[in-house]
């Protein structure tokens, strides 16, 4: 009986360090290979570059739209822009005009 209680005591003494080692190993594994780990950092960096390029394109489009909206300001509308939009939306063309599509 003495050997069994000694074995049980040894298991009992080593259970807490073993549990701590498992917990630390789990956290270390997630830190390296987890969804937000070190190995995923390269993917995040690549995605960041893609998003920055997309943002630059959207900012360029926004600037163009802002410029067009400023040309259509009711207080100081650009006559050429207003004429272009009216003709485009309403399909108004004079008989002596030739339409050259740019798209």
PDB file of N, CA and C in Angstrom:
ATOM      1  N   UNK A   1       0.787  -1.187   0.000  1.00  0.00           N
ATOM      2  CA  UNK A   1       0.000   0.000   0.000  1.00  0.00           C
ATOM      3  C   UNK A   1       0.838   1.263   0.000  1.00  0.00           C
ATOM      4  N   UNK A   2       2.013   1.186   0.534  1.00  0.00           N
ATOM      5  CA  UNK A   2       2.859   2.361   0.609  1.00  0.00           C
ATOM      6  C   UNK A   2       3.279   2.851  -0.764  1.00  0.00           C
ATOM      7  N   UNK A   3       3.468   1.925  -1.723  1.00  0.00           N
ATOM      8  CA  UNK A   3       3.871   2.316  -3.069  1.00  0.00           C
ATOM      9  C   UNK A   3       2.757   3.022  -3.818  1.00  0.00           C
ATOM     10  N   UNK A   4       1.524   2.580  -3.569  1.00  0.00           N
ATOM     11  CA  UNK A   4       0.387   3.195  -4.252  1.00  0.00           C
ATOM     12  C   UNK A   4       0.156   4.616  -3.764  1.00  0.00           C
ATOM     13  N   UNK A   5       0.283   4.836  -2.464  1.00  0.00           N
ATOM     14  CA  UNK A   5       0.062   6.187  -1.940  1.00  0.00           C
ATOM     15  C   UNK A   5       1.206   7.113  -2.341  1.00  0.00           C
ATOM     16  N   UNK A   6       2.432   6.532  -2.456  1.00  0.00           N
ATOM     17  CA  UNK A   6       3.558   7.340  -2.906  1.00  0.00           C
ATOM     18  C   UNK A   6       3.380   7.734  -4.372  1.00  0.00           C
ATOM     19  N   UNK A   7       2.882   6.847  -5.193  1.00  0.00           N
ATOM     20  CA  UNK A   7       2.622   7.147  -6.600  1.00  0.00           C
ATOM     21  C   UNK A   7       1.525   8.195  -6.728  1.00  0.00           C
ATOM     22  N   UNK A   8       0.467   8.049  -5.919  1.00  0.00           N
ATOM     23  CA  UNK A   8      -0.617   9.019  -5.932  1.00  0.00           C
ATOM     24  C   UNK A   8      -0.119  10.398  -5.504  1.00  0.00           C
ATOM     25  N   UNK A   9       0.752  10.438  -4.514  1.00  0.00           N
ATOM     26  CA  UNK A   9       1.313  11.706  -4.055  1.00  0.00           C
ATOM     27  C   UNK A   9       2.168  12.363  -5.129  1.00  0.00           C
ATOM     28  N   UNK A  10       2.940  11.547  -5.862  1.00  0.00           N
ATOM     29  CA  UNK A  10       3.780  12.086  -6.927  1.00  0.00           C
ATOM     30  C   UNK A  10       2.914  12.636  -8.077  1.00  0.00           C
ATOM     31  N   UNK A  11       1.844  11.925  -8.410  1.00  0.00           N
ATOM     32  CA  UNK A  11       0.937  12.395  -9.457  1.00  0.00           C
ATOM     33  C   UNK A  11       0.273  13.688  -9.006  1.00  0.00           C
ATOM     34  N   UNK A  12      -0.113  13.715  -7.750  1.00  0.00           N
ATOM     35  CA  UNK A  12      -0.779  14.902  -7.208  1.00  0.00           C
ATOM     36  C   UNK A  12       0.148  16.122  -7.216  1.00  0.00           C
ATOM     37  N   UNK A  13       1.430  15.896  -6.872  1.00  0.00           N
ATOM     38  CA  UNK A  13       2.387  17.004  -6.862  1.00  0.00           C
ATOM     39  C   UNK A  13       2.723  17.489  -8.285  1.00  0.00           C
ATOM     40  N   UNK A  14       2.679  16.600  -9.250  1.00  0.00           N
ATOM     41  CA  UNK A  14       3.051  16.990 -10.604  1.00  0.00           C
ATOM     42  C   UNK A  14       1.842  17.444 -11.437  1.00  0.00           C
ATOM     43  N   UNK A  15       0.631  17.338 -10.919  1.00  0.00           N
ATOM     44  CA  UNK A  15      -0.560  17.711 -11.683  1.00  0.00           C
ATOM     45  C   UNK A  15      -0.612  19.218 -11.945  1.00  0.00           C
ATOM     46  N   UNK A  16      -0.340  20.028 -10.956  1.00  0.00           N
ATOM     47  CA  UNK A  16      -0.410  21.489 -11.126  1.00  0.00           C
ATOM     48  C   UNK A  16       0.648  21.993 -12.115  1.00  0.00           C
ATOM     49  N   UNK A  17       1.917  21.590 -12.006  1.00  0.00           N
ATOM     50  CA  UNK A  17       2.886  22.030 -13.020  1.00  0.00           C
ATOM     51  C   UNK A  17       2.540  21.516 -14.425  1.00  0.00           C
ATOM     52  N   UNK A  18       2.019  20.308 -14.516  1.00  0.00           N
ATOM     53  CA  UNK A  18       1.635  19.777 -15.836  1.00  0.00           C
ATOM     54  C   UNK A  18       0.488  20.593 -16.422  1.00  0.00           C
ATOM     55  N   UNK A  19      -0.498  20.927 -15.604  1.00  0.00           N
ATOM     56  CA  UNK A  19      -1.614  21.750 -16.065  1.00  0.00           C
ATOM     57  C   UNK A  19      -1.126  23.131 -16.497  1.00  0.00           C
ATOM     58  N   UNK A  20      -0.216  23.710 -15.728  1.00  0.00           N
ATOM     59  CA  UNK A  20       0.340  25.020 -16.076  1.00  0.00           C
ATOM     60  C   UNK A  20       1.106  24.940 -17.400  1.00  0.00           C
ATOM     61  N   UNK A  21       1.849  23.848 -17.601  1.00  0.00           N
ATOM     62  CA  UNK A  21       2.593  23.667 -18.841  1.00  0.00           C
ATOM     63  C   UNK A  21       1.644  23.532 -20.036  1.00  0.00           C
ATOM     64  N   UNK A  22       0.543  22.829 -19.857  1.00  0.00           N
ATOM     65  CA  UNK A  22      -0.444  22.691 -20.931  1.00  0.00           C
ATOM     66  C   UNK A  22      -1.069  24.038 -21.271  1.00  0.00           C
ATOM     67  N   UNK A  23      -1.411  24.821 -20.247  1.00  0.00           N
ATOM     68  CA  UNK A  23      -2.021  26.135 -20.479  1.00  0.00           C
ATOM     69  C   UNK A  23      -1.037  27.062 -21.190  1.00  0.00           C
ATOM     70  N   UNK A  24       0.205  27.104 -20.735  1.00  0.00           N
ATOM     71  CA  UNK A  24       1.215  27.959 -21.364  1.00  0.00           C
ATOM     72  C   UNK A  24       1.476  27.501 -22.796  1.00  0.00           C
ATOM     73  N   UNK A  25       1.538  26.194 -23.012  1.00  0.00           N
ATOM     74  CA  UNK A  25       1.745  25.671 -24.367  1.00  0.00           C
ATOM     75  C   UNK A  25       0.607  26.029 -25.299  1.00  0.00           C
ATOM     76  N   UNK A  26      -0.623  25.982 -24.788  1.00  0.00           N
ATOM     77  CA  UNK A  26      -1.774  26.350 -25.600  1.00  0.00           C
ATOM     78  C   UNK A  26      -1.707  27.817 -26.012  1.00  0.00           C
ATOM     79  N   UNK A  27      -1.411  28.678 -25.055  1.00  0.00           N
ATOM     80  CA  UNK A  27      -1.299  30.103 -25.379  1.00  0.00           C
ATOM     81  C   UNK A  27      -0.143  30.372 -26.338  1.00  0.00           C
ATOM     82  N   UNK A  28       0.973  29.684 -26.148  1.00  0.00           N
ATOM     83  CA  UNK A  28       2.121  29.875 -27.038  1.00  0.00           C
ATOM     84  C   UNK A  28       1.777  29.398 -28.452  1.00  0.00           C
ATOM     85  N   UNK A  29       1.078  28.288 -28.561  1.00  0.00           N
ATOM     86  CA  UNK A  29       0.677  27.789 -29.872  1.00  0.00           C
ATOM     87  C   UNK A  29      -0.234  28.761 -30.596  1.00  0.00           C
ATOM     88  N   UNK A  30      -1.190  29.336 -29.864  1.00  0.00           N
ATOM     89  CA  UNK A  30      -2.083  30.321 -30.480  1.00  0.00           C
ATOM     90  C   UNK A  30      -1.339  31.603 -30.840  1.00  0.00           C
ATOM     91  N   UNK A  31      -0.343  31.970 -30.041  1.00  0.00           N
ATOM     92  CA  UNK A  31       0.428  33.180 -30.337  1.00  0.00           C
ATOM     93  C   UNK A  31       1.240  33.027 -31.616  1.00  0.00           C
ATOM     94  N   UNK A  32       1.650  31.806 -31.916  1.00  0.00           N
ATOM     95  CA  UNK A  32       2.454  31.578 -33.119  1.00  0.00           C
ATOM     96  C   UNK A  32       1.580  31.236 -34.318  1.00  0.00           C
ATOM     97  N   UNK A  33       0.680  30.267 -34.159  1.00  0.00           N
ATOM     98  CA  UNK A  33      -0.056  29.749 -35.313  1.00  0.00           C
ATOM     99  C   UNK A  33      -1.543  30.028 -35.256  1.00  0.00           C
ATOM    100  N   UNK A  34      -1.990  30.842 -34.353  1.00  0.00           N
ATOM    101  CA  UNK A  34      -3.415  31.114 -34.222  1.00  0.00           C
ATOM    102  C   UNK A  34      -3.920  32.084 -35.271  1.00  0.00           C
ATOM    103  N   UNK A  35      -5.190  32.405 -35.170  1.00  0.00           N
ATOM    104  CA  UNK A  35      -5.839  33.304 -36.134  1.00  0.00           C
ATOM    105  C   UNK A  35      -5.169  34.675 -36.164  1.00  0.00           C
ATOM    106  N   UNK A  36      -4.715  35.169 -35.031  1.00  0.00           N
ATOM    107  CA  UNK A  36      -4.039  36.462 -34.952  1.00  0.00           C
ATOM    108  C   UNK A  36      -2.565  36.291 -34.580  1.00  0.00           C
ATOM    109  N   UNK A  37      -1.997  35.139 -34.863  1.00  0.00           N
ATOM    110  CA  UNK A  37      -0.630  34.839 -34.464  1.00  0.00           C
ATOM    111  C   UNK A  37       0.417  35.430 -35.380  1.00  0.00           C
ATOM    112  N   UNK A  38       1.655  35.062 -35.081  1.00  0.00           N
ATOM    113  CA  UNK A  38       2.803  35.573 -35.821  1.00  0.00           C
ATOM    114  C   UNK A  38       2.744  35.130 -37.283  1.00  0.00           C
ATOM    115  N   UNK A  39       2.307  33.915 -37.542  1.00  0.00           N
ATOM    116  CA  UNK A  39       2.255  33.412 -38.910  1.00  0.00           C
ATOM    117  C   UNK A  39       1.177  34.118 -39.733  1.00  0.00           C
ATOM    118  N   UNK A  40       0.149  34.629 -39.090  1.00  0.00           N
ATOM    119  CA  UNK A  40      -0.919  35.347 -39.802  1.00  0.00           C
ATOM    120  C   UNK A  40      -0.536  36.791 -40.099  1.00  0.00           C
ATOM    121  N   UNK A  41       0.555  37.270 -39.535  1.00  0.00           N
ATOM    122  CA  UNK A  41       0.963  38.657 -39.706  1.00  0.00           C
ATOM    123  C   UNK A  41       1.247  38.993 -41.173  1.00  0.00           C
ATOM    124  N   UNK A  42       1.866  38.070 -41.907  1.00  0.00           N
ATOM    125  CA  UNK A  42       2.165  38.313 -43.321  1.00  0.00           C
ATOM    126  C   UNK A  42       0.893  38.514 -44.125  1.00  0.00           C
ATOM    127  N   UNK A  43      -0.141  37.720 -43.815  1.00  0.00           N
ATOM    128  CA  UNK A  43      -1.422  37.879 -44.502  1.00  0.00           C
ATOM    129  C   UNK A  43      -2.058  39.224 -44.191  1.00  0.00           C
ATOM    130  N   UNK A  44      -1.959  39.655 -42.940  1.00  0.00           N
ATOM    131  CA  UNK A  44      -2.504  40.958 -42.564  1.00  0.00           C
ATOM    132  C   UNK A  44      -1.762  42.080 -43.277  1.00  0.00           C
ATOM    133  N   UNK A  45      -0.458  41.930 -43.401  1.00  0.00           N
ATOM    134  CA  UNK A  45       0.348  42.958 -44.062  1.00  0.00           C
ATOM    135  C   UNK A  45      -0.042  43.046 -45.541  1.00  0.00           C
ATOM    136  N   UNK A  46      -0.221  41.903 -46.178  1.00  0.00           N
ATOM    137  CA  UNK A  46      -0.620  41.867 -47.585  1.00  0.00           C
ATOM    138  C   UNK A  46      -2.016  42.463 -47.762  1.00  0.00           C
ATOM    139  N   UNK A  47      -2.935  42.109 -46.864  1.00  0.00           N
ATOM    140  CA  UNK A  47      -4.300  42.646 -46.934  1.00  0.00           C
ATOM    141  C   UNK A  47      -4.293  44.159 -46.710  1.00  0.00           C
ATOM    142  N   UNK A  48      -3.420  44.637 -45.845  1.00  0.00           N
ATOM    143  CA  UNK A  48      -3.313  46.080 -45.597  1.00  0.00           C
ATOM    144  C   UNK A  48      -2.885  46.812 -46.865  1.00  0.00           C
ATOM    145  N   UNK A  49      -1.911  46.277 -47.580  1.00  0.00           N
ATOM    146  CA  UNK A  49      -1.454  46.905 -48.829  1.00  0.00           C
ATOM    147  C   UNK A  49      -2.585  46.933 -49.854  1.00  0.00           C
ATOM    148  N   UNK A  50      -3.358  45.834 -49.945  1.00  0.00           N
ATOM    149  CA  UNK A  50      -4.480  45.800 -50.881  1.00  0.00           C
ATOM    150  C   UNK A  50      -5.528  46.837 -50.510  1.00  0.00           C
ATOM    151  N   UNK A  51      -5.828  46.949 -49.235  1.00  0.00           N
ATOM    152  CA  UNK A  51      -6.835  47.914 -48.775  1.00  0.00           C
ATOM    153  C   UNK A  51      -6.363  49.347 -48.988  1.00  0.00           C
ATOM    154  N   UNK A  52      -5.054  49.591 -48.822  1.00  0.00           N
ATOM    155  CA  UNK A  52      -4.539  50.934 -49.049  1.00  0.00           C
ATOM    156  C   UNK A  52      -4.642  51.313 -50.525  1.00  0.00           C
ATOM    157  N   UNK A  53      -4.387  50.355 -51.422  1.00  0.00           N
ATOM    158  CA  UNK A  53      -4.536  50.623 -52.856  1.00  0.00           C
ATOM    159  C   UNK A  53      -6.003  50.881 -53.187  1.00  0.00           C
ATOM    160  N   UNK A  54      -6.899  50.109 -52.592  1.00  0.00           N
ATOM    161  CA  UNK A  54      -8.332  50.308 -52.811  1.00  0.00           C
ATOM    162  C   UNK A  54      -8.773  51.672 -52.274  1.00  0.00           C
ATOM    163  N   UNK A  55      -8.253  52.048 -51.116  1.00  0.00           N
ATOM    164  CA  UNK A  55      -8.580  53.349 -50.538  1.00  0.00           C
ATOM    165  C   UNK A  55      -8.110  54.483 -51.440  1.00  0.00           C
ATOM    166  N   UNK A  56      -6.915  54.362 -51.999  1.00  0.00           N
ATOM    167  CA  UNK A  56      -6.402  55.408 -52.894  1.00  0.00           C
ATOM    168  C   UNK A  56      -7.300  55.551 -54.120  1.00  0.00           C
ATOM    169  N   UNK A  57      -7.756  54.422 -54.667  1.00  0.00           N
ATOM    170  CA  UNK A  57      -8.650  54.466 -55.828  1.00  0.00           C
ATOM    171  C   UNK A  57      -9.980  55.127 -55.453  1.00  0.00           C
ATOM    172  N   UNK A  58     -10.530  54.767 -54.294  1.00  0.00           N
ATOM    173  CA  UNK A  58     -11.798  55.352 -53.864  1.00  0.00           C
ATOM    174  C   UNK A  58     -11.669  56.843 -53.577  1.00  0.00           C
ATOM    175  N   UNK A  59     -10.541  57.260 -53.019  1.00  0.00           N
ATOM    176  CA  UNK A  59     -10.330  58.690 -52.774  1.00  0.00           C
ATOM    177  C   UNK A  59     -10.233  59.465 -54.086  1.00  0.00           C
ATOM    178  N   UNK A  60      -9.623  58.837 -55.095  1.00  0.00           N
ATOM    179  CA  UNK A  60      -9.541  59.478 -56.411  1.00  0.00           C
ATOM    180  C   UNK A  60     -10.946  59.634 -57.003  1.00  0.00           C
ATOM    181  N   UNK A  61     -11.752  58.583 -56.919  1.00  0.00           N
ATOM    182  CA  UNK A  61     -13.126  58.657 -57.427  1.00  0.00           C
ATOM    183  C   UNK A  61     -13.939  59.698 -56.653  1.00  0.00           C
ATOM    184  N   UNK A  62     -13.705  59.756 -55.346  1.00  0.00           N
ATOM    185  CA  UNK A  62     -14.420  60.731 -54.515  1.00  0.00           C
ATOM    186  C   UNK A  62     -14.064  62.155 -54.929  1.00  0.00           C
ATOM    187  N   UNK A  63     -12.784  62.383 -55.207  1.00  0.00           N
ATOM    188  CA  UNK A  63     -12.356  63.724 -55.635  1.00  0.00           C
ATOM    189  C   UNK A  63     -12.999  64.090 -56.971  1.00  0.00           C
ATOM    190  N   UNK A  64     -13.082  63.110 -57.892  1.00  0.00           N
ATOM    191  CA  UNK A  64     -13.723  63.383 -59.181  1.00  0.00           C
ATOM    192  C   UNK A  64     -15.211  63.697 -58.999  1.00  0.00           C
ATOM    193  N   UNK A  65     -15.873  62.926 -58.141  1.00  0.00           N
ATOM    194  CA  UNK A  65     -17.302  63.176 -57.893  1.00  0.00           C
ATOM    195  C   UNK A  65     -17.522  64.530 -57.204  1.00  0.00           C
ATOM    196  N   UNK A  66     -16.620  64.878 -56.298  1.00  0.00           N
ATOM    197  CA  UNK A  66     -16.726  66.174 -55.625  1.00  0.00           C
ATOM    198  C   UNK A  66     -16.567  67.300 -56.638  1.00  0.00           C
ATOM    199  N   UNK A  67     -15.630  67.134 -57.563  1.00  0.00           N
ATOM    200  CA  UNK A  67     -15.420  68.155 -58.593  1.00  0.00           C
ATOM    201  C   UNK A  67     -16.667  68.291 -59.473  1.00  0.00           C
ATOM    202  N   UNK A  68     -17.244  67.156 -59.886  1.00  0.00           N
ATOM    203  CA  UNK A  68     -18.458  67.203 -60.712  1.00  0.00           C
ATOM    204  C   UNK A  68     -19.612  67.840 -59.952  1.00  0.00           C
ATOM    205  N   UNK A  69     -19.733  67.546 -58.668  1.00  0.00           N
ATOM    206  CA  UNK A  69     -20.834  68.137 -57.899  1.00  0.00           C
ATOM    207  C   UNK A  69     -20.628  69.640 -57.719  1.00  0.00           C
ATOM    208  N   UNK A  70     -19.367  70.075 -57.635  1.00  0.00           N
ATOM    209  CA  UNK A  70     -19.114  71.513 -57.547  1.00  0.00           C
ATOM    210  C   UNK A  70     -19.462  72.207 -58.870  1.00  0.00           C
ATOM    211  N   UNK A  71     -19.275  71.499 -59.979  1.00  0.00           N
ATOM    212  CA  UNK A  71     -19.646  72.077 -61.268  1.00  0.00           C
ATOM    213  C   UNK A  71     -21.160  72.216 -61.408  1.00  0.00           C
ATOM    214  N   UNK A  72     -21.903  71.428 -60.661  1.00  0.00           N
ATOM    215  CA  UNK A  72     -23.360  71.471 -60.732  1.00  0.00           C
ATOM    216  C   UNK A  72     -23.986  72.292 -59.611  1.00  0.00           C
ATOM    217  N   UNK A  73     -23.217  73.048 -58.898  1.00  0.00           N
ATOM    218  CA  UNK A  73     -23.739  73.888 -57.821  1.00  0.00           C
ATOM    219  C   UNK A  73     -24.780  74.844 -58.399  1.00  0.00           C
ATOM    220  N   UNK A  74     -25.989  74.882 -57.853  1.00  0.00           N
ATOM    221  CA  UNK A  74     -27.049  75.738 -58.412  1.00  0.00           C
ATOM    222  C   UNK A  74     -26.683  77.217 -58.470  1.00  0.00           C
ATOM    223  N   UNK A  75     -25.849  77.679 -57.582  1.00  0.00           N
ATOM    224  CA  UNK A  75     -25.482  79.097 -57.566  1.00  0.00           C
ATOM    225  C   UNK A  75     -24.505  79.469 -58.679  1.00  0.00           C
ATOM    226  N   UNK A  76     -23.686  78.526 -59.094  1.00  0.00           N
ATOM    227  CA  UNK A  76     -22.684  78.829 -60.129  1.00  0.00           C
ATOM    228  C   UNK A  76     -22.432  77.590 -60.992  1.00  0.00           C
ATOM    229  N   UNK A  77     -23.476  77.076 -61.582  1.00  0.00           N
ATOM    230  CA  UNK A  77     -23.385  75.868 -62.402  1.00  0.00           C
ATOM    231  C   UNK A  77     -22.574  76.123 -63.665  1.00  0.00           C
ATOM    232  N   UNK A  78     -21.779  75.139 -64.029  1.00  0.00           N
ATOM    233  CA  UNK A  78     -21.011  75.203 -65.270  1.00  0.00           C
ATOM    234  C   UNK A  78     -21.967  74.920 -66.426  1.00  0.00           C
ATOM    235  N   UNK A  79     -22.113  75.850 -67.354  1.00  0.00           N
ATOM    236  CA  UNK A  79     -23.089  75.657 -68.438  1.00  0.00           C
ATOM    237  C   UNK A  79     -22.796  74.426 -69.292  1.00  0.00           C
ATOM    238  N   UNK A  80     -21.532  74.138 -69.541  1.00  0.00           N
ATOM    239  CA  UNK A  80     -21.191  72.972 -70.358  1.00  0.00           C
ATOM    240  C   UNK A  80     -21.586  71.671 -69.650  1.00  0.00           C
ATOM    241  N   UNK A  81     -21.347  71.595 -68.363  1.00  0.00           N
ATOM    242  CA  UNK A  81     -21.688  70.391 -67.604  1.00  0.00           C
ATOM    243  C   UNK A  81     -23.205  70.216 -67.546  1.00  0.00           C
ATOM    244  N   UNK A  82     -23.915  71.296 -67.303  1.00  0.00           N
ATOM    245  CA  UNK A  82     -25.380  71.212 -67.246  1.00  0.00           C
ATOM    246  C   UNK A  82     -25.938  70.792 -68.606  1.00  0.00           C
ATOM    247  N   UNK A  83     -25.406  71.360 -69.672  1.00  0.00           N
ATOM    248  CA  UNK A  83     -25.850  71.009 -71.022  1.00  0.00           C
ATOM    249  C   UNK A  83     -25.578  69.528 -71.315  1.00  0.00           C
ATOM    250  N   UNK A  84     -24.415  69.054 -70.909  1.00  0.00           N
ATOM    251  CA  UNK A  84     -24.053  67.653 -71.127  1.00  0.00           C
ATOM    252  C   UNK A  84     -25.007  66.711 -70.396  1.00  0.00           C
ATOM    253  N   UNK A  85     -25.305  67.021 -69.141  1.00  0.00           N
ATOM    254  CA  UNK A  85     -26.196  66.156 -68.364  1.00  0.00           C
ATOM    255  C   UNK A  85     -27.625  66.175 -68.899  1.00  0.00           C
ATOM    256  N   UNK A  86     -28.108  67.353 -69.288  1.00  0.00           N
ATOM    257  CA  UNK A  86     -29.475  67.443 -69.811  1.00  0.00           C
ATOM    258  C   UNK A  86     -29.583  66.658 -71.112  1.00  0.00           C
ATOM    259  N   UNK A  87     -28.616  66.825 -71.986  1.00  0.00           N
ATOM    260  CA  UNK A  87     -28.653  66.097 -73.257  1.00  0.00           C
ATOM    261  C   UNK A  87     -28.529  64.589 -73.038  1.00  0.00           C
ATOM    262  N   UNK A  88     -27.694  64.203 -72.110  1.00  0.00           N
ATOM    263  CA  UNK A  88     -27.499  62.777 -71.847  1.00  0.00           C
ATOM    264  C   UNK A  88     -28.753  62.150 -71.250  1.00  0.00           C
ATOM    265  N   UNK A  89     -29.341  62.795 -70.259  1.00  0.00           N
ATOM    266  CA  UNK A  89     -30.513  62.235 -69.579  1.00  0.00           C
ATOM    267  C   UNK A  89     -31.773  62.295 -70.434  1.00  0.00           C
ATOM    268  N   UNK A  90     -31.952  63.372 -71.163  1.00  0.00           N
ATOM    269  CA  UNK A  90     -33.178  63.545 -71.938  1.00  0.00           C
ATOM    270  C   UNK A  90     -33.048  63.088 -73.387  1.00  0.00           C
ATOM    271  N   UNK A  91     -31.824  62.830 -73.827  1.00  0.00           N
ATOM    272  CA  UNK A  91     -31.619  62.375 -75.194  1.00  0.00           C
ATOM    273  C   UNK A  91     -31.879  63.453 -76.221  1.00  0.00           C
ATOM    274  N   UNK A  92     -31.644  64.693 -75.874  1.00  0.00           N
ATOM    275  CA  UNK A  92     -31.884  65.804 -76.794  1.00  0.00           C
ATOM    276  C   UNK A  92     -30.655  66.056 -77.660  1.00  0.00           C
ATOM    277  N   UNK A  93     -30.858  65.967 -78.978  1.00  0.00           N
ATOM    278  CA  UNK A  93     -29.785  66.222 -79.923  1.00  0.00           C
ATOM    279  C   UNK A  93     -30.359  67.046 -81.066  1.00  0.00           C
ATOM    280  N   UNK A  94     -29.629  68.066 -81.443  1.00  0.00           N
ATOM    281  CA  UNK A  94     -30.067  68.852 -82.583  1.00  0.00           C
ATOM    282  C   UNK A  94     -29.756  68.095 -83.871  1.00  0.00           C
ATOM    283  N   UNK A  95     -30.489  68.378 -84.926  1.00  0.00           N
ATOM    284  CA  UNK A  95     -30.278  67.636 -86.188  1.00  0.00           C
ATOM    285  C   UNK A  95     -28.889  67.827 -86.784  1.00  0.00           C
ATOM    286  N   UNK A  96     -28.234  68.960 -86.500  1.00  0.00           N
ATOM    287  CA  UNK A  96     -26.927  69.203 -87.103  1.00  0.00           C
ATOM    288  C   UNK A  96     -25.766  68.718 -86.230  1.00  0.00           C
ATOM    289  N   UNK A  97     -26.046  68.026 -85.128  1.00  0.00           N
ATOM    290  CA  UNK A  97     -24.995  67.558 -84.219  1.00  0.00           C
ATOM    291  C   UNK A  97     -24.621  66.112 -84.519  1.00  0.00           C
ATOM    292  N   UNK A  98     -23.360  65.816 -84.229  1.00  0.00           N
ATOM    293  CA  UNK A  98     -22.864  64.454 -84.361  1.00  0.00           C
ATOM    294  C   UNK A  98     -22.410  64.024 -82.981  1.00  0.00           C
ATOM    295  N   UNK A  99     -22.874  62.853 -82.540  1.00  0.00           N
ATOM    296  CA  UNK A  99     -22.527  62.355 -81.204  1.00  0.00           C
ATOM    297  C   UNK A  99     -21.384  61.347 -81.345  1.00  0.00           C
ATOM    298  N   UNK A 100     -20.337  61.611 -80.593  1.00  0.00           N
ATOM    299  CA  UNK A 100     -19.188  60.711 -80.585  1.00  0.00           C
ATOM    300  C   UNK A 100     -19.105  60.116 -79.186  1.00  0.00           C
ATOM    301  N   UNK A 101     -19.456  58.825 -79.003  1.00  0.00           N
ATOM    302  CA  UNK A 101     -19.371  58.221 -77.664  1.00  0.00           C
ATOM    303  C   UNK A 101     -17.921  58.021 -77.243  1.00  0.00           C
ATOM    304  N   UNK A 102     -17.636  58.330 -75.991  1.00  0.00           N
ATOM    305  CA  UNK A 102     -16.266  58.207 -75.476  1.00  0.00           C
ATOM    306  C   UNK A 102     -16.051  56.897 -74.752  1.00  0.00           C
ATOM    307  N   UNK A 103     -17.102  56.184 -74.435  1.00  0.00           N
ATOM    308  CA  UNK A 103     -16.943  54.935 -73.674  1.00  0.00           C
ATOM    309  C   UNK A 103     -16.778  53.771 -74.585  1.00  0.00           C
TER     310      UNK A 103
END
